[in-house]
């Protein structure tokens, strides 16, 4: 997949996001290799917590989940559970439109509901 050559204008990002990452509270949860959008790597818990709150407020009208993890000595803030790089790239446009212009997508373990 070459994300530099995808035509994002042909994608309906709200449909893609709603269809691919909306959690299903019914059914079991599996962990698979996938993609998330990385927002920041921070060293101070308070800064990470404040950014986590801000992200949840700015993305509260989307099905995107915010994850804050600790990998010594850093706190990492990531968004979403995407199976494909294309899904992550589509959601990345929305995240950048919300003001997080330095965000990028990374491979990570993601949650999938059956």
N, C-alpha and C. Protein backbone atom coordinates (compact mmCIF):
# COMPACT_ATOMS: atom_id res chain seq x y z
N UNK A 1 0.84 -1.19 0.00
CA UNK A 1 0.00 0.00 0.00
C UNK A 1 0.87 1.23 0.00
N UNK A 2 0.60 2.15 -0.89
CA UNK A 2 1.36 3.38 -1.01
C UNK A 2 0.47 4.55 -0.61
N UNK A 3 0.60 5.02 0.64
CA UNK A 3 -0.29 6.06 1.13
C UNK A 3 -0.07 7.40 0.46
N UNK A 4 1.04 7.58 -0.26
CA UNK A 4 1.29 8.83 -0.96
C UNK A 4 0.44 8.96 -2.22
N UNK A 5 -0.08 7.85 -2.74
CA UNK A 5 -0.81 7.89 -3.99
C UNK A 5 -2.31 7.66 -3.83
N UNK A 6 -2.81 7.61 -2.62
CA UNK A 6 -4.24 7.42 -2.43
C UNK A 6 -4.97 8.74 -2.65
N UNK A 7 -6.12 8.68 -3.28
CA UNK A 7 -6.93 9.87 -3.52
C UNK A 7 -7.96 9.98 -2.39
N UNK A 8 -7.65 10.79 -1.39
CA UNK A 8 -8.51 10.91 -0.23
C UNK A 8 -9.83 11.59 -0.55
N UNK A 9 -9.88 12.35 -1.64
CA UNK A 9 -11.13 13.02 -2.01
C UNK A 9 -12.20 12.02 -2.41
N UNK A 10 -11.81 10.82 -2.84
CA UNK A 10 -12.78 9.81 -3.22
C UNK A 10 -13.29 9.02 -2.02
N UNK A 11 -12.66 9.16 -0.88
CA UNK A 11 -13.06 8.43 0.31
C UNK A 11 -14.04 9.28 1.12
N UNK A 12 -15.09 8.66 1.60
CA UNK A 12 -15.99 9.32 2.52
C UNK A 12 -15.50 8.98 3.92
N UNK A 13 -14.67 9.86 4.49
CA UNK A 13 -13.97 9.52 5.73
C UNK A 13 -14.91 9.26 6.90
N UNK A 14 -16.02 9.98 6.97
CA UNK A 14 -16.92 9.73 8.10
C UNK A 14 -17.55 8.35 8.00
N UNK A 15 -17.88 7.90 6.77
CA UNK A 15 -18.42 6.55 6.61
C UNK A 15 -17.38 5.50 6.94
N UNK A 16 -16.16 5.70 6.45
CA UNK A 16 -15.09 4.74 6.70
C UNK A 16 -14.83 4.63 8.20
N UNK A 17 -14.73 5.76 8.87
CA UNK A 17 -14.46 5.75 10.31
C UNK A 17 -15.60 5.08 11.05
N UNK A 18 -16.82 5.45 10.75
CA UNK A 18 -17.97 4.89 11.47
C UNK A 18 -18.10 3.39 11.25
N UNK A 19 -17.85 2.93 10.03
CA UNK A 19 -18.02 1.52 9.72
C UNK A 19 -16.89 0.65 10.25
N UNK A 20 -15.67 1.19 10.30
CA UNK A 20 -14.53 0.33 10.59
C UNK A 20 -14.07 0.36 12.03
N UNK A 21 -14.40 1.40 12.79
CA UNK A 21 -13.83 1.45 14.13
C UNK A 21 -14.87 1.58 15.23
N UNK A 22 -16.12 1.57 14.89
CA UNK A 22 -17.14 1.66 15.92
C UNK A 22 -17.10 0.40 16.77
N UNK A 23 -16.83 0.53 18.07
CA UNK A 23 -16.75 -0.65 18.92
C UNK A 23 -18.09 -1.38 19.00
N UNK A 24 -18.00 -2.66 19.07
CA UNK A 24 -19.18 -3.49 19.23
C UNK A 24 -19.16 -4.02 20.66
N UNK A 25 -20.05 -3.49 21.47
CA UNK A 25 -20.05 -3.89 22.88
C UNK A 25 -20.53 -5.32 23.06
N UNK A 26 -21.20 -5.87 22.05
CA UNK A 26 -21.63 -7.26 22.11
C UNK A 26 -20.59 -8.09 21.38
N UNK A 27 -20.20 -9.17 21.97
CA UNK A 27 -19.20 -10.02 21.35
C UNK A 27 -17.88 -9.93 22.07
N UNK A 28 -16.96 -10.76 21.62
CA UNK A 28 -15.67 -10.83 22.29
C UNK A 28 -14.66 -9.90 21.63
N UNK A 29 -13.66 -9.54 22.40
CA UNK A 29 -12.61 -8.63 21.94
C UNK A 29 -11.36 -9.44 21.67
N UNK A 30 -10.76 -9.19 20.50
CA UNK A 30 -9.50 -9.81 20.14
C UNK A 30 -8.46 -8.72 19.94
N UNK A 31 -7.21 -9.11 20.09
CA UNK A 31 -6.10 -8.19 19.83
C UNK A 31 -5.40 -8.68 18.57
N UNK A 32 -5.28 -7.76 17.59
CA UNK A 32 -4.61 -8.06 16.33
C UNK A 32 -3.58 -6.99 16.02
N UNK A 33 -2.68 -7.30 15.10
CA UNK A 33 -1.76 -6.28 14.60
C UNK A 33 -2.55 -5.35 13.70
N UNK A 34 -2.37 -4.06 13.90
CA UNK A 34 -3.08 -3.07 13.10
C UNK A 34 -2.37 -1.74 13.16
N UNK A 35 -3.17 -0.69 13.16
CA UNK A 35 -2.63 0.68 13.10
C UNK A 35 -3.36 1.58 14.08
N UNK A 36 -2.63 2.54 14.61
CA UNK A 36 -3.20 3.62 15.41
C UNK A 36 -2.58 4.93 14.95
N UNK A 37 -3.22 6.01 15.31
CA UNK A 37 -2.69 7.34 15.01
C UNK A 37 -1.98 7.84 16.26
N UNK A 38 -0.70 8.14 16.11
CA UNK A 38 0.07 8.64 17.25
C UNK A 38 0.01 10.16 17.26
N UNK A 39 -0.35 10.69 18.42
CA UNK A 39 -0.49 12.13 18.60
C UNK A 39 0.75 12.73 19.25
N UNK A 40 1.27 12.08 20.29
CA UNK A 40 2.39 12.67 21.03
C UNK A 40 3.10 11.62 21.87
N UNK A 41 4.35 11.94 22.19
CA UNK A 41 5.16 11.20 23.15
C UNK A 41 5.61 12.24 24.18
N UNK A 42 5.20 12.05 25.42
CA UNK A 42 5.46 13.04 26.47
C UNK A 42 6.13 12.38 27.67
N UNK A 43 6.91 13.16 28.39
CA UNK A 43 7.63 12.62 29.54
C UNK A 43 6.91 12.84 30.86
N UNK A 44 5.98 13.77 30.92
CA UNK A 44 5.33 14.09 32.18
C UNK A 44 3.88 13.62 32.18
N UNK A 45 3.52 12.91 33.24
CA UNK A 45 2.17 12.37 33.36
C UNK A 45 1.11 13.46 33.23
N UNK A 46 1.31 14.57 33.91
CA UNK A 46 0.30 15.64 33.90
C UNK A 46 0.06 16.16 32.49
N UNK A 47 1.12 16.34 31.71
CA UNK A 47 0.97 16.81 30.32
C UNK A 47 0.21 15.77 29.49
N UNK A 48 0.55 14.51 29.70
CA UNK A 48 -0.11 13.43 28.96
C UNK A 48 -1.60 13.37 29.34
N UNK A 49 -1.90 13.49 30.61
CA UNK A 49 -3.29 13.44 31.07
C UNK A 49 -4.09 14.61 30.51
N UNK A 50 -3.49 15.82 30.51
CA UNK A 50 -4.18 16.98 29.97
C UNK A 50 -4.46 16.82 28.48
N UNK A 51 -3.50 16.28 27.74
CA UNK A 51 -3.69 16.05 26.31
C UNK A 51 -4.75 14.97 26.08
N UNK A 52 -4.75 13.95 26.92
CA UNK A 52 -5.77 12.90 26.81
C UNK A 52 -7.18 13.49 26.98
N UNK A 53 -7.34 14.35 27.95
CA UNK A 53 -8.64 15.01 28.18
C UNK A 53 -9.02 15.86 26.97
N UNK A 54 -8.06 16.62 26.47
CA UNK A 54 -8.30 17.48 25.30
C UNK A 54 -8.72 16.65 24.08
N UNK A 55 -8.01 15.56 23.84
CA UNK A 55 -8.32 14.69 22.70
C UNK A 55 -9.73 14.12 22.82
N UNK A 56 -10.08 13.65 24.00
CA UNK A 56 -11.42 13.10 24.21
C UNK A 56 -12.50 14.16 23.96
N UNK A 57 -12.23 15.41 24.33
CA UNK A 57 -13.19 16.48 24.10
C UNK A 57 -13.29 16.82 22.61
N UNK A 58 -12.15 16.92 21.93
CA UNK A 58 -12.16 17.29 20.51
C UNK A 58 -12.67 16.18 19.60
N UNK A 59 -12.60 14.95 20.05
CA UNK A 59 -13.02 13.81 19.23
C UNK A 59 -14.28 13.14 19.76
N UNK A 60 -14.99 13.82 20.65
CA UNK A 60 -16.15 13.19 21.30
C UNK A 60 -17.30 12.91 20.33
N UNK A 61 -17.28 13.51 19.16
CA UNK A 61 -18.33 13.26 18.17
C UNK A 61 -17.93 12.18 17.17
N UNK A 62 -16.84 11.48 17.45
CA UNK A 62 -16.37 10.40 16.59
C UNK A 62 -16.31 9.11 17.41
N UNK A 63 -16.21 7.98 16.75
CA UNK A 63 -16.07 6.72 17.49
C UNK A 63 -14.61 6.41 17.85
N UNK A 64 -13.71 7.37 17.65
CA UNK A 64 -12.29 7.13 17.92
C UNK A 64 -12.03 7.02 19.42
N UNK A 65 -11.25 6.03 19.79
CA UNK A 65 -10.86 5.82 21.18
C UNK A 65 -9.46 6.36 21.39
N UNK A 66 -9.25 7.05 22.51
CA UNK A 66 -7.94 7.61 22.86
C UNK A 66 -7.25 6.64 23.82
N UNK A 67 -5.99 6.33 23.52
CA UNK A 67 -5.20 5.44 24.38
C UNK A 67 -3.97 6.18 24.89
N UNK A 68 -3.76 6.11 26.21
CA UNK A 68 -2.55 6.65 26.83
C UNK A 68 -1.81 5.47 27.42
N UNK A 69 -0.59 5.23 26.96
CA UNK A 69 0.21 4.13 27.49
C UNK A 69 1.53 4.68 28.01
N UNK A 70 2.14 3.91 28.88
CA UNK A 70 3.43 4.29 29.44
C UNK A 70 4.48 3.29 28.97
N UNK A 71 5.50 3.81 28.30
CA UNK A 71 6.68 3.03 27.92
C UNK A 71 7.87 3.83 28.42
N UNK A 72 8.40 3.39 29.53
CA UNK A 72 9.42 4.14 30.26
C UNK A 72 10.48 4.72 29.33
N UNK A 73 10.75 6.00 29.46
CA UNK A 73 10.22 6.98 30.42
C UNK A 73 9.09 7.84 29.86
N UNK A 74 8.39 7.38 28.81
CA UNK A 74 7.45 8.24 28.10
C UNK A 74 6.00 7.76 28.19
N UNK A 75 5.10 8.74 28.08
CA UNK A 75 3.68 8.49 27.92
C UNK A 75 3.35 8.71 26.44
N UNK A 76 2.67 7.74 25.85
CA UNK A 76 2.36 7.79 24.42
C UNK A 76 0.85 7.91 24.26
N UNK A 77 0.43 8.87 23.46
CA UNK A 77 -0.99 9.06 23.18
C UNK A 77 -1.27 8.66 21.73
N UNK A 78 -2.18 7.69 21.59
CA UNK A 78 -2.57 7.19 20.28
C UNK A 78 -4.09 7.11 20.20
N UNK A 79 -4.58 7.08 18.97
CA UNK A 79 -6.02 7.08 18.73
C UNK A 79 -6.38 5.95 17.77
N UNK A 80 -7.50 5.28 18.06
CA UNK A 80 -8.12 4.37 17.12
C UNK A 80 -7.65 2.94 17.17
N UNK A 81 -8.40 2.10 16.48
CA UNK A 81 -8.12 0.68 16.30
C UNK A 81 -8.40 0.38 14.83
N UNK A 82 -7.38 0.41 14.00
CA UNK A 82 -7.55 0.24 12.56
C UNK A 82 -6.88 -1.05 12.10
N UNK A 83 -7.60 -1.83 11.32
CA UNK A 83 -7.04 -3.06 10.78
C UNK A 83 -6.11 -2.76 9.62
N UNK A 84 -6.48 -1.79 8.79
CA UNK A 84 -5.68 -1.49 7.61
C UNK A 84 -5.05 -0.11 7.70
N UNK A 85 -3.98 0.04 6.96
CA UNK A 85 -3.30 1.32 6.88
C UNK A 85 -4.20 2.36 6.21
N UNK A 86 -5.03 1.91 5.27
CA UNK A 86 -5.95 2.81 4.59
C UNK A 86 -6.95 3.43 5.56
N UNK A 87 -7.48 2.63 6.48
CA UNK A 87 -8.41 3.14 7.48
C UNK A 87 -7.72 4.18 8.37
N UNK A 88 -6.50 3.88 8.77
CA UNK A 88 -5.75 4.82 9.61
C UNK A 88 -5.47 6.11 8.85
N UNK A 89 -5.12 6.00 7.57
CA UNK A 89 -4.83 7.19 6.77
C UNK A 89 -6.07 8.07 6.61
N UNK A 90 -7.23 7.44 6.47
CA UNK A 90 -8.48 8.20 6.35
C UNK A 90 -8.79 8.94 7.65
N UNK A 91 -8.66 8.26 8.77
CA UNK A 91 -8.92 8.90 10.06
C UNK A 91 -7.87 9.97 10.37
N UNK A 92 -6.65 9.78 9.88
CA UNK A 92 -5.58 10.76 10.11
C UNK A 92 -5.97 12.13 9.55
N UNK A 93 -6.67 12.14 8.43
CA UNK A 93 -7.12 13.41 7.85
C UNK A 93 -8.02 14.14 8.84
N UNK A 94 -8.97 13.43 9.42
CA UNK A 94 -9.88 14.01 10.41
C UNK A 94 -9.11 14.54 11.62
N UNK A 95 -8.17 13.75 12.12
CA UNK A 95 -7.39 14.15 13.29
C UNK A 95 -6.59 15.41 12.99
N UNK A 96 -6.00 15.49 11.81
CA UNK A 96 -5.25 16.70 11.44
C UNK A 96 -6.17 17.90 11.30
N UNK A 97 -7.37 17.68 10.77
CA UNK A 97 -8.35 18.76 10.67
C UNK A 97 -8.75 19.29 12.04
N UNK A 98 -8.67 18.45 13.06
CA UNK A 98 -9.01 18.85 14.43
C UNK A 98 -7.85 19.55 15.13
N UNK A 99 -6.73 19.75 14.42
CA UNK A 99 -5.64 20.54 14.97
C UNK A 99 -4.37 19.79 15.31
N UNK A 100 -4.36 18.49 15.11
CA UNK A 100 -3.18 17.69 15.46
C UNK A 100 -2.38 17.40 14.18
N UNK A 101 -1.78 18.47 13.66
CA UNK A 101 -1.14 18.41 12.34
C UNK A 101 0.13 17.57 12.31
N UNK A 102 0.73 17.31 13.46
CA UNK A 102 1.95 16.50 13.52
C UNK A 102 1.66 15.03 13.79
N UNK A 103 0.40 14.64 13.79
CA UNK A 103 0.04 13.24 14.04
C UNK A 103 0.48 12.37 12.87
N UNK A 104 0.72 11.09 13.16
CA UNK A 104 1.10 10.14 12.12
C UNK A 104 0.57 8.77 12.53
N UNK A 105 0.53 7.82 11.57
CA UNK A 105 0.03 6.50 11.95
C UNK A 105 1.19 5.54 12.15
N UNK A 106 0.97 4.61 13.10
CA UNK A 106 2.00 3.64 13.50
C UNK A 106 1.35 2.27 13.65
N UNK A 107 2.16 1.23 13.46
CA UNK A 107 1.67 -0.12 13.71
C UNK A 107 1.59 -0.34 15.21
N UNK A 108 0.55 -1.06 15.62
CA UNK A 108 0.33 -1.31 17.04
C UNK A 108 -0.63 -2.50 17.17
N UNK A 109 -0.74 -3.03 18.35
CA UNK A 109 -1.79 -4.00 18.62
C UNK A 109 -3.09 -3.23 18.78
N UNK A 110 -4.15 -3.73 18.14
CA UNK A 110 -5.44 -3.05 18.20
C UNK A 110 -6.52 -4.02 18.65
N UNK A 111 -7.63 -3.45 19.12
CA UNK A 111 -8.76 -4.25 19.56
C UNK A 111 -9.76 -4.41 18.42
N UNK A 112 -10.22 -5.63 18.25
CA UNK A 112 -11.24 -5.94 17.24
C UNK A 112 -12.33 -6.73 17.96
N UNK A 113 -13.57 -6.36 17.68
CA UNK A 113 -14.72 -6.99 18.33
C UNK A 113 -15.43 -7.91 17.34
N UNK A 114 -15.77 -9.10 17.80
CA UNK A 114 -16.49 -10.05 16.95
C UNK A 114 -17.94 -10.13 17.32
